[in-house]
Amino acid sequence: MDTSDDLRFDRGDGTPGRLRRQLSRLLGMTSAQASRVASEALAPLGAHKAHFVVLAVLAESGPASQSEIADRARIYRSDLVAVLNELAEGGWIVRAPDPADKRRNTITITDRGRARLAEIEAVLDDVNDRVMAPLSEAERAQLFSLLGRVNAHLASGGGASPAP
């Protein structure tokens, strides 16, 4: 597995200037390090970031079909099955036939799932604090705002290559 040093964006004079100017490289390496820290923090709970995402979607949006959860959580449908199985085994969600369409299931968060969500969220809040330790509260808010704007721009096709 990559170590923190393997993922350092800038090693001073040892890093060519061209590499230090590549935003995609900086974002990718920062993302990999933040993901590693989060995964390591969640491991003692036997939890994964996908557990948090699915439980958060259900807690905030209410019961949903597997397809709706995949869309809201931005998780591939094939990956979601394994996550739902793990959450069901833990008693954190229940699957029940949809009264409106018996061919599909409705997934609902349980009281145990709400408690689990709070537990995972507390760990991830601590991870956020550790990852963003060098930033002030104002800088943290600004970072989220700026990255949100860049993400929205890219999602709307703003970063697409011009047609040939």
C-alpha atoms as a PDB file:
ATOM      1  CA  MET A   1       0.000   0.000   0.000  1.00  0.00           C
ATOM      2  CA  ASP A   2       1.121   3.541  -0.646  1.00  0.00           C
ATOM      3  CA  THR A   3       2.567   5.323   2.350  1.00  0.00           C
ATOM      4  CA  SER A   4       2.144   8.997   3.077  1.00  0.00           C
ATOM      5  CA  ASP A   5       5.591   9.656   1.651  1.00  0.00           C
ATOM      6  CA  ASP A   6       4.737   7.791  -1.574  1.00  0.00           C
ATOM      7  CA  LEU A   7       1.812  10.175  -2.045  1.00  0.00           C
ATOM      8  CA  ARG A   8       3.592  13.425  -1.259  1.00  0.00           C
ATOM      9  CA  PHE A   9       2.796  15.903  -3.986  1.00  0.00           C
ATOM     10  CA  ASP A  10       5.913  18.004  -3.592  1.00  0.00           C
ATOM     11  CA  ARG A  11       9.314  16.775  -2.438  1.00  0.00           C
ATOM     12  CA  GLY A  12      10.909  20.179  -2.783  1.00  0.00           C
ATOM     13  CA  ASP A  13      13.774  20.405  -5.257  1.00  0.00           C
ATOM     14  CA  GLY A  14      13.256  16.730  -6.130  1.00  0.00           C
ATOM     15  CA  THR A  15       9.890  17.444  -7.759  1.00  0.00           C
ATOM     16  CA  PRO A  16       9.968  18.903 -11.262  1.00  0.00           C
ATOM     17  CA  GLY A  17       8.120  22.206 -11.564  1.00  0.00           C
ATOM     18  CA  ARG A  18       5.875  20.798 -14.297  1.00  0.00           C
ATOM     19  CA  LEU A  19       4.554  18.229 -11.835  1.00  0.00           C
ATOM     20  CA  ARG A  20       3.964  20.817  -9.096  1.00  0.00           C
ATOM     21  CA  ARG A  21       1.765  22.798 -11.517  1.00  0.00           C
ATOM     22  CA  GLN A  22      -0.638  19.916 -12.276  1.00  0.00           C
ATOM     23  CA  LEU A  23      -3.884  20.333 -10.367  1.00  0.00           C
ATOM     24  CA  SER A  24      -5.137  16.847 -11.253  1.00  0.00           C
ATOM     25  CA  ARG A  25      -1.982  15.359  -9.731  1.00  0.00           C
ATOM     26  CA  LEU A  26      -2.320  17.404  -6.532  1.00  0.00           C
ATOM     27  CA  LEU A  27      -6.013  16.555  -6.167  1.00  0.00           C
ATOM     28  CA  GLY A  28      -5.402  12.861  -6.899  1.00  0.00           C
ATOM     29  CA  MET A  29      -2.585  12.522  -4.393  1.00  0.00           C
ATOM     30  CA  THR A  30      -4.460  14.508  -1.749  1.00  0.00           C
ATOM     31  CA  SER A  31      -7.557  12.394  -2.328  1.00  0.00           C
ATOM     32  CA  ALA A  32      -5.573   9.175  -2.008  1.00  0.00           C
ATOM     33  CA  GLN A  33      -4.031  10.312   1.277  1.00  0.00           C
ATOM     34  CA  ALA A  34      -7.367  11.492   2.715  1.00  0.00           C
ATOM     35  CA  SER A  35      -9.010   8.214   1.664  1.00  0.00           C
ATOM     36  CA  ARG A  36      -6.226   6.244   3.347  1.00  0.00           C
ATOM     37  CA  VAL A  37      -6.635   8.191   6.595  1.00  0.00           C
ATOM     38  CA  ALA A  38     -10.421   7.679   6.517  1.00  0.00           C
ATOM     39  CA  SER A  39     -10.138   3.957   5.754  1.00  0.00           C
ATOM     40  CA  GLU A  40      -7.627   3.447   8.558  1.00  0.00           C
ATOM     41  CA  ALA A  41      -9.866   5.339  11.009  1.00  0.00           C
ATOM     42  CA  LEU A  42     -12.952   3.308  10.045  1.00  0.00           C
ATOM     43  CA  ALA A  43     -11.190  -0.081  10.103  1.00  0.00           C
ATOM     44  CA  PRO A  44     -11.530  -0.636  13.888  1.00  0.00           C
ATOM     45  CA  LEU A  45     -15.303  -0.231  13.476  1.00  0.00           C
ATOM     46  CA  GLY A  46     -15.401  -2.695  10.601  1.00  0.00           C
ATOM     47  CA  ALA A  47     -16.915   0.134   8.566  1.00  0.00           C
ATOM     48  CA  HIS A  48     -16.266   1.582   5.134  1.00  0.00           C
ATOM     49  CA  LYS A  49     -16.936   4.982   3.599  1.00  0.00           C
ATOM     50  CA  ALA A  50     -19.628   3.363   1.442  1.00  0.00           C
ATOM     51  CA  HIS A  51     -21.486   2.343   4.623  1.00  0.00           C
ATOM     52  CA  PHE A  52     -21.582   5.994   5.642  1.00  0.00           C
ATOM     53  CA  VAL A  53     -22.752   7.129   2.222  1.00  0.00           C
ATOM     54  CA  VAL A  54     -25.631   4.639   2.028  1.00  0.00           C
ATOM     55  CA  LEU A  55     -26.757   5.184   5.617  1.00  0.00           C
ATOM     56  CA  ALA A  56     -26.615   8.972   5.151  1.00  0.00           C
ATOM     57  CA  VAL A  57     -28.713   8.756   1.979  1.00  0.00           C
ATOM     58  CA  LEU A  58     -31.339   6.630   3.729  1.00  0.00           C
ATOM     59  CA  ALA A  59     -31.354   8.807   6.867  1.00  0.00           C
ATOM     60  CA  GLU A  60     -31.822  12.014   4.905  1.00  0.00           C
ATOM     61  CA  SER A  61     -33.995  10.827   2.006  1.00  0.00           C
ATOM     62  CA  GLY A  62     -36.005   8.020   3.581  1.00  0.00           C
ATOM     63  CA  PRO A  63     -36.648   4.502   2.302  1.00  0.00           C
ATOM     64  CA  ALA A  64     -35.576   3.929  -1.281  1.00  0.00           C
ATOM     65  CA  SER A  65     -35.104   1.301  -3.922  1.00  0.00           C
ATOM     66  CA  GLN A  66     -31.645  -0.008  -4.683  1.00  0.00           C
ATOM     67  CA  SER A  67     -31.624   1.953  -7.919  1.00  0.00           C
ATOM     68  CA  GLU A  68     -32.565   5.195  -6.142  1.00  0.00           C
ATOM     69  CA  ILE A  69     -29.830   4.669  -3.553  1.00  0.00           C
ATOM     70  CA  ALA A  70     -27.241   4.052  -6.274  1.00  0.00           C
ATOM     71  CA  ASP A  71     -28.240   7.279  -8.002  1.00  0.00           C
ATOM     72  CA  ARG A  72     -28.296   9.385  -4.829  1.00  0.00           C
ATOM     73  CA  ALA A  73     -25.096   7.912  -3.389  1.00  0.00           C
ATOM     74  CA  ARG A  74     -23.216   7.807  -6.696  1.00  0.00           C
ATOM     75  CA  ILE A  75     -22.276   4.167  -6.091  1.00  0.00           C
ATOM     76  CA  TYR A  76     -22.164   1.675  -8.930  1.00  0.00           C
ATOM     77  CA  ARG A  77     -25.141  -0.662  -8.739  1.00  0.00           C
ATOM     78  CA  SER A  78     -22.859  -3.705  -8.829  1.00  0.00           C
ATOM     79  CA  ASP A  79     -20.857  -2.368  -5.842  1.00  0.00           C
ATOM     80  CA  LEU A  80     -23.989  -1.367  -3.955  1.00  0.00           C
ATOM     81  CA  VAL A  81     -25.199  -4.959  -3.599  1.00  0.00           C
ATOM     82  CA  ALA A  82     -22.213  -5.900  -1.440  1.00  0.00           C
ATOM     83  CA  VAL A  83     -22.603  -2.756   0.689  1.00  0.00           C
ATOM     84  CA  LEU A  84     -26.314  -3.438   1.220  1.00  0.00           C
ATOM     85  CA  ASN A  85     -25.563  -7.047   2.156  1.00  0.00           C
ATOM     86  CA  GLU A  86     -23.041  -5.908   4.774  1.00  0.00           C
ATOM     87  CA  LEU A  87     -25.455  -3.320   6.177  1.00  0.00           C
ATOM     88  CA  ALA A  88     -28.302  -5.871   6.289  1.00  0.00           C
ATOM     89  CA  GLU A  89     -26.073  -8.417   8.074  1.00  0.00           C
ATOM     90  CA  GLY A  90     -25.306  -5.786  10.715  1.00  0.00           C
ATOM     91  CA  GLY A  91     -28.979  -5.007  11.190  1.00  0.00           C
ATOM     92  CA  TRP A  92     -28.422  -1.426  10.039  1.00  0.00           C
ATOM     93  CA  ILE A  93     -30.916  -1.642   7.149  1.00  0.00           C
ATOM     94  CA  VAL A  94     -33.884  -3.809   6.233  1.00  0.00           C
ATOM     95  CA  ARG A  95     -35.091  -4.854   2.821  1.00  0.00           C
ATOM     96  CA  ALA A  96     -38.815  -5.310   2.271  1.00  0.00           C
ATOM     97  CA  PRO A  97     -40.959  -5.737  -0.819  1.00  0.00           C
ATOM     98  CA  ASP A  98     -42.105  -2.393  -2.210  1.00  0.00           C
ATOM     99  CA  PRO A  99     -45.879  -2.207  -1.684  1.00  0.00           C
ATOM    100  CA  ALA A 100     -46.248  -0.352  -5.001  1.00  0.00           C
ATOM    101  CA  ASP A 101     -44.124  -2.814  -6.996  1.00  0.00           C
ATOM    102  CA  LYS A 102     -43.543  -6.283  -5.529  1.00  0.00           C
ATOM    103  CA  ARG A 103     -40.707  -6.905  -8.022  1.00  0.00           C
ATOM    104  CA  ARG A 104     -38.393  -4.562  -6.177  1.00  0.00           C
ATOM    105  CA  ASN A 105     -37.283  -4.068  -2.589  1.00  0.00           C
ATOM    106  CA  THR A 106     -37.392  -0.930  -0.513  1.00  0.00           C
ATOM    107  CA  ILE A 107     -34.402  -0.407   1.726  1.00  0.00           C
ATOM    108  CA  THR A 108     -34.938   1.355   5.065  1.00  0.00           C
ATOM    109  CA  ILE A 109     -32.458   2.411   7.735  1.00  0.00           C
ATOM    110  CA  THR A 110     -33.122   0.897  11.166  1.00  0.00           C
ATOM    111  CA  ASP A 111     -32.678   2.482  14.589  1.00  0.00           C
ATOM    112  CA  ARG A 112     -29.448   0.490  14.866  1.00  0.00           C
ATOM    113  CA  GLY A 113     -28.486   1.942  11.476  1.00  0.00           C
ATOM    114  CA  ARG A 114     -29.053   5.495  12.718  1.00  0.00           C
ATOM    115  CA  ALA A 115     -26.802   4.780  15.699  1.00  0.00           C
ATOM    116  CA  ARG A 116     -24.203   3.259  13.363  1.00  0.00           C
ATOM    117  CA  LEU A 117     -24.407   6.315  11.103  1.00  0.00           C
ATOM    118  CA  ALA A 118     -23.725   8.603  14.080  1.00  0.00           C
ATOM    119  CA  GLU A 119     -20.770   6.422  15.104  1.00  0.00           C
ATOM    120  CA  ILE A 120     -19.244   6.481  11.607  1.00  0.00           C
ATOM    121  CA  GLU A 121     -19.939  10.189  11.189  1.00  0.00           C
ATOM    122  CA  ALA A 122     -18.090  10.985  14.429  1.00  0.00           C
ATOM    123  CA  VAL A 123     -15.032   9.110  13.146  1.00  0.00           C
ATOM    124  CA  LEU A 124     -15.200  10.881   9.781  1.00  0.00           C
ATOM    125  CA  ASP A 125     -15.623  14.282  11.473  1.00  0.00           C
ATOM    126  CA  ASP A 126     -12.385  13.553  13.337  1.00  0.00           C
ATOM    127  CA  VAL A 127     -10.751  12.547  10.038  1.00  0.00           C
ATOM    128  CA  ASN A 128     -11.869  15.844   8.475  1.00  0.00           C
ATOM    129  CA  ASP A 129     -10.342  17.727  11.399  1.00  0.00           C
ATOM    130  CA  ARG A 130      -7.037  15.848  11.080  1.00  0.00           C
ATOM    131  CA  VAL A 131      -6.859  16.216   7.303  1.00  0.00           C
ATOM    132  CA  MET A 132      -7.654  19.923   7.408  1.00  0.00           C
ATOM    133  CA  ALA A 133      -5.628  20.693  10.557  1.00  0.00           C
ATOM    134  CA  PRO A 134      -3.402  23.236   8.782  1.00  0.00           C
ATOM    135  CA  LEU A 135      -6.455  25.289   7.701  1.00  0.00           C
ATOM    136  CA  SER A 136      -8.486  27.809   9.660  1.00  0.00           C
ATOM    137  CA  GLU A 137     -12.291  27.450   9.845  1.00  0.00           C
ATOM    138  CA  ALA A 138     -12.642  30.149   7.174  1.00  0.00           C
ATOM    139  CA  GLU A 139     -10.126  28.369   4.929  1.00  0.00           C
ATOM    140  CA  ARG A 140     -11.955  25.059   5.396  1.00  0.00           C
ATOM    141  CA  ALA A 141     -15.235  26.656   4.320  1.00  0.00           C
ATOM    142  CA  GLN A 142     -13.486  28.315   1.388  1.00  0.00           C
ATOM    143  CA  LEU A 143     -11.887  25.015   0.334  1.00  0.00           C
ATOM    144  CA  PHE A 144     -15.268  23.265   0.292  1.00  0.00           C
ATOM    145  CA  SER A 145     -16.801  26.153  -1.621  1.00  0.00           C
ATOM    146  CA  LEU A 146     -14.037  26.297  -4.213  1.00  0.00           C
ATOM    147  CA  LEU A 147     -13.898  22.527  -4.748  1.00  0.00           C
ATOM    148  CA  GLY A 148     -17.697  22.455  -4.989  1.00  0.00           C
ATOM    149  CA  ARG A 149     -17.600  25.098  -7.718  1.00  0.00           C
ATOM    150  CA  VAL A 150     -14.872  23.278  -9.646  1.00  0.00           C
ATOM    151  CA  ASN A 151     -16.770  19.992  -9.321  1.00  0.00           C
ATOM    152  CA  ALA A 152     -20.026  21.589 -10.536  1.00  0.00           C
ATOM    153  CA  HIS A 153     -18.170  23.145 -13.474  1.00  0.00           C
ATOM    154  CA  LEU A 154     -16.656  19.801 -14.478  1.00  0.00           C
ATOM    155  CA  ALA A 155     -19.951  17.956 -13.968  1.00  0.00           C
ATOM    156  CA  SER A 156     -21.675  20.378 -16.339  1.00  0.00           C
ATOM    157  CA  GLY A 157     -19.150  19.559 -19.069  1.00  0.00           C
ATOM    158  CA  GLY A 158     -17.044  22.661 -18.464  1.00  0.00           C
ATOM    159  CA  GLY A 159     -13.811  20.673 -18.472  1.00  0.00           C
ATOM    160  CA  ALA A 160     -14.550  18.728 -21.642  1.00  0.00           C
ATOM    161  CA  SER A 161     -12.075  18.885 -24.491  1.00  0.00           C
ATOM    162  CA  PRO A 162     -13.201  21.027 -27.412  1.00  0.00           C
ATOM    163  CA  ALA A 163     -14.674  19.121 -30.338  1.00  0.00           C
ATOM    164  CA  PRO A 164     -12.099  18.401 -33.076  1.00  0.00           C
END
